[in-house]
């Protein structure tokens, strides 16, 4: 098993030990990977994205990215 897969499995195992988790979900790579790993853990997961005028077009781009690559 390669090092990356070992680390991903460690994250899944750590999340699985929790009853519930909340993820601050930006739609970027980091929070998308974390949300995907959390989903694999079978733990109750809530991913939250703040909606603000400060996000502008960048926020819309991130929403499209996560629509293209669903978790």
N, C-alpha and C. Protein backbone atom coordinates (compact mmCIF):
# COMPACT_ATOMS: atom_id res chain seq x y z
N UNK A 1 0.86 -1.17 0.00
CA UNK A 1 0.00 0.00 0.00
C UNK A 1 0.90 1.24 0.00
N UNK A 2 0.62 2.19 -0.87
CA UNK A 2 1.50 3.36 -0.92
C UNK A 2 1.20 4.33 0.22
N UNK A 3 2.10 5.27 0.42
CA UNK A 3 2.01 6.19 1.56
C UNK A 3 0.75 7.05 1.52
N UNK A 4 0.36 7.52 0.34
CA UNK A 4 -0.83 8.36 0.22
C UNK A 4 -2.08 7.59 0.62
N UNK A 5 -2.22 6.37 0.13
CA UNK A 5 -3.37 5.55 0.47
C UNK A 5 -3.40 5.24 1.97
N UNK A 6 -2.25 5.00 2.56
CA UNK A 6 -2.16 4.76 4.00
C UNK A 6 -2.65 5.97 4.77
N UNK A 7 -2.25 7.17 4.36
CA UNK A 7 -2.69 8.39 5.03
C UNK A 7 -4.18 8.62 4.84
N UNK A 8 -4.69 8.35 3.64
CA UNK A 8 -6.13 8.52 3.40
C UNK A 8 -6.93 7.57 4.28
N UNK A 9 -6.49 6.33 4.40
CA UNK A 9 -7.18 5.37 5.25
C UNK A 9 -7.12 5.78 6.71
N UNK A 10 -6.02 6.39 7.14
CA UNK A 10 -5.90 6.87 8.51
C UNK A 10 -6.92 7.99 8.78
N UNK A 11 -7.12 8.86 7.80
CA UNK A 11 -8.11 9.93 7.94
C UNK A 11 -9.52 9.33 8.03
N UNK A 12 -9.82 8.38 7.17
CA UNK A 12 -11.13 7.72 7.19
C UNK A 12 -11.37 7.05 8.54
N UNK A 13 -10.36 6.36 9.06
CA UNK A 13 -10.49 5.70 10.36
C UNK A 13 -10.70 6.71 11.48
N UNK A 14 -9.98 7.83 11.45
CA UNK A 14 -10.13 8.86 12.48
C UNK A 14 -11.53 9.47 12.45
N UNK A 15 -12.04 9.71 11.26
CA UNK A 15 -13.39 10.26 11.12
C UNK A 15 -14.42 9.24 11.59
N UNK A 16 -14.20 7.98 11.28
CA UNK A 16 -15.15 6.92 11.65
C UNK A 16 -15.31 6.79 13.16
N UNK A 17 -14.32 7.24 13.92
CA UNK A 17 -14.40 7.19 15.38
C UNK A 17 -15.34 8.24 15.95
N UNK A 18 -15.72 9.22 15.13
CA UNK A 18 -16.60 10.31 15.57
C UNK A 18 -18.05 9.98 15.27
N UNK A 19 -18.95 10.49 16.09
CA UNK A 19 -20.38 10.27 15.87
C UNK A 19 -20.88 11.18 14.73
N UNK A 20 -20.51 12.43 14.78
CA UNK A 20 -20.90 13.42 13.78
C UNK A 20 -19.71 14.34 13.51
N UNK A 21 -19.61 14.83 12.28
CA UNK A 21 -18.60 15.85 11.99
C UNK A 21 -19.20 16.93 11.09
N UNK A 22 -18.64 18.12 11.18
CA UNK A 22 -19.01 19.24 10.34
C UNK A 22 -17.77 19.66 9.57
N UNK A 23 -17.92 19.85 8.27
CA UNK A 23 -16.80 20.27 7.43
C UNK A 23 -17.10 21.65 6.88
N UNK A 24 -16.15 22.57 7.06
CA UNK A 24 -16.24 23.88 6.42
C UNK A 24 -15.88 23.66 4.95
N UNK A 25 -16.90 23.62 4.10
CA UNK A 25 -16.74 23.20 2.71
C UNK A 25 -16.66 24.40 1.79
N UNK A 26 -15.47 24.62 1.21
CA UNK A 26 -15.29 25.75 0.29
C UNK A 26 -15.53 25.35 -1.16
N UNK A 27 -15.47 24.05 -1.43
CA UNK A 27 -15.56 23.58 -2.81
C UNK A 27 -14.20 23.43 -3.45
N UNK A 28 -13.16 23.80 -2.73
CA UNK A 28 -11.80 23.64 -3.23
C UNK A 28 -11.32 22.21 -3.05
N UNK A 29 -10.08 21.97 -3.41
CA UNK A 29 -9.53 20.62 -3.38
C UNK A 29 -9.49 20.06 -1.96
N UNK A 30 -8.97 20.83 -1.00
CA UNK A 30 -8.80 20.31 0.36
C UNK A 30 -10.12 19.88 0.99
N UNK A 31 -11.11 20.77 0.97
CA UNK A 31 -12.38 20.42 1.61
C UNK A 31 -13.14 19.37 0.81
N UNK A 32 -12.95 19.33 -0.51
CA UNK A 32 -13.60 18.30 -1.32
C UNK A 32 -13.05 16.91 -1.02
N UNK A 33 -11.72 16.82 -0.89
CA UNK A 33 -11.10 15.54 -0.54
C UNK A 33 -11.54 15.11 0.85
N UNK A 34 -11.54 16.04 1.81
CA UNK A 34 -11.97 15.71 3.17
C UNK A 34 -13.42 15.23 3.18
N UNK A 35 -14.29 15.91 2.45
CA UNK A 35 -15.70 15.50 2.40
C UNK A 35 -15.84 14.11 1.77
N UNK A 36 -15.08 13.84 0.74
CA UNK A 36 -15.12 12.52 0.10
C UNK A 36 -14.65 11.43 1.06
N UNK A 37 -13.56 11.68 1.78
CA UNK A 37 -13.07 10.69 2.76
C UNK A 37 -14.07 10.51 3.89
N UNK A 38 -14.68 11.60 4.33
CA UNK A 38 -15.67 11.52 5.40
C UNK A 38 -16.87 10.69 4.97
N UNK A 39 -17.27 10.85 3.73
CA UNK A 39 -18.39 10.06 3.21
C UNK A 39 -18.08 8.57 3.25
N UNK A 40 -16.83 8.21 2.96
CA UNK A 40 -16.42 6.81 2.99
C UNK A 40 -16.40 6.23 4.40
N UNK A 41 -16.34 7.10 5.41
CA UNK A 41 -16.24 6.64 6.80
C UNK A 41 -17.59 6.18 7.36
N UNK A 42 -18.67 6.50 6.69
CA UNK A 42 -20.04 6.16 7.12
C UNK A 42 -20.46 6.93 8.38
N UNK A 43 -19.70 7.97 8.75
CA UNK A 43 -20.05 8.84 9.86
C UNK A 43 -21.06 9.87 9.36
N UNK A 44 -21.89 10.38 10.25
CA UNK A 44 -22.82 11.44 9.88
C UNK A 44 -22.02 12.72 9.61
N UNK A 45 -22.10 13.22 8.38
CA UNK A 45 -21.28 14.35 7.95
C UNK A 45 -22.18 15.49 7.48
N UNK A 46 -21.84 16.70 7.91
CA UNK A 46 -22.52 17.89 7.41
C UNK A 46 -21.45 18.81 6.84
N UNK A 47 -21.52 19.08 5.54
CA UNK A 47 -20.59 20.01 4.89
C UNK A 47 -21.31 21.34 4.73
N UNK A 48 -20.70 22.41 5.24
CA UNK A 48 -21.34 23.72 5.26
C UNK A 48 -20.51 24.71 4.45
N UNK A 49 -21.21 25.46 3.59
CA UNK A 49 -20.57 26.52 2.82
C UNK A 49 -21.22 27.84 3.19
N UNK A 50 -20.41 28.83 3.54
CA UNK A 50 -20.94 30.15 3.86
C UNK A 50 -21.27 30.87 2.56
N UNK A 51 -22.43 31.50 2.53
CA UNK A 51 -22.84 32.28 1.36
C UNK A 51 -22.67 33.76 1.71
N UNK A 52 -21.84 34.44 0.96
CA UNK A 52 -21.54 35.83 1.27
C UNK A 52 -21.30 36.61 -0.01
N UNK A 53 -21.59 37.90 0.03
CA UNK A 53 -21.28 38.76 -1.11
C UNK A 53 -19.78 38.83 -1.35
N UNK A 54 -18.99 38.51 -0.36
CA UNK A 54 -17.54 38.56 -0.49
C UNK A 54 -17.00 37.47 -1.41
N UNK A 55 -17.78 36.39 -1.63
CA UNK A 55 -17.31 35.30 -2.48
C UNK A 55 -17.29 35.68 -3.95
N UNK A 56 -18.25 36.46 -4.40
CA UNK A 56 -18.31 36.90 -5.79
C UNK A 56 -18.30 35.74 -6.77
N UNK A 57 -17.69 35.94 -7.92
CA UNK A 57 -17.63 34.92 -8.97
C UNK A 57 -16.83 33.70 -8.55
N UNK A 58 -15.86 33.89 -7.68
CA UNK A 58 -15.03 32.78 -7.23
C UNK A 58 -15.89 31.70 -6.58
N UNK A 59 -16.85 32.10 -5.78
CA UNK A 59 -17.74 31.15 -5.14
C UNK A 59 -18.57 30.38 -6.15
N UNK A 60 -19.02 31.05 -7.20
CA UNK A 60 -19.80 30.39 -8.24
C UNK A 60 -18.94 29.36 -8.97
N UNK A 61 -17.69 29.70 -9.22
CA UNK A 61 -16.77 28.76 -9.88
C UNK A 61 -16.62 27.50 -9.04
N UNK A 62 -16.47 27.65 -7.75
CA UNK A 62 -16.30 26.50 -6.88
C UNK A 62 -17.56 25.64 -6.86
N UNK A 63 -18.72 26.25 -6.90
CA UNK A 63 -19.95 25.47 -6.94
C UNK A 63 -19.99 24.64 -8.22
N UNK A 64 -19.60 25.21 -9.32
CA UNK A 64 -19.58 24.47 -10.58
C UNK A 64 -18.60 23.32 -10.52
N UNK A 65 -17.44 23.53 -9.93
CA UNK A 65 -16.43 22.47 -9.82
C UNK A 65 -17.00 21.28 -9.07
N UNK A 66 -17.69 21.52 -7.97
CA UNK A 66 -18.23 20.41 -7.20
C UNK A 66 -19.44 19.78 -7.87
N UNK A 67 -20.11 20.51 -8.74
CA UNK A 67 -21.19 19.91 -9.51
C UNK A 67 -20.62 18.95 -10.56
N UNK A 68 -19.48 19.32 -11.14
CA UNK A 68 -18.85 18.48 -12.15
C UNK A 68 -18.27 17.21 -11.53
N UNK A 69 -17.69 17.34 -10.35
CA UNK A 69 -17.05 16.21 -9.67
C UNK A 69 -17.81 15.90 -8.39
N UNK A 70 -19.00 15.30 -8.49
CA UNK A 70 -19.82 15.04 -7.29
C UNK A 70 -19.14 14.06 -6.34
N UNK A 71 -19.49 14.19 -5.07
CA UNK A 71 -18.91 13.31 -4.06
C UNK A 71 -19.87 12.22 -3.69
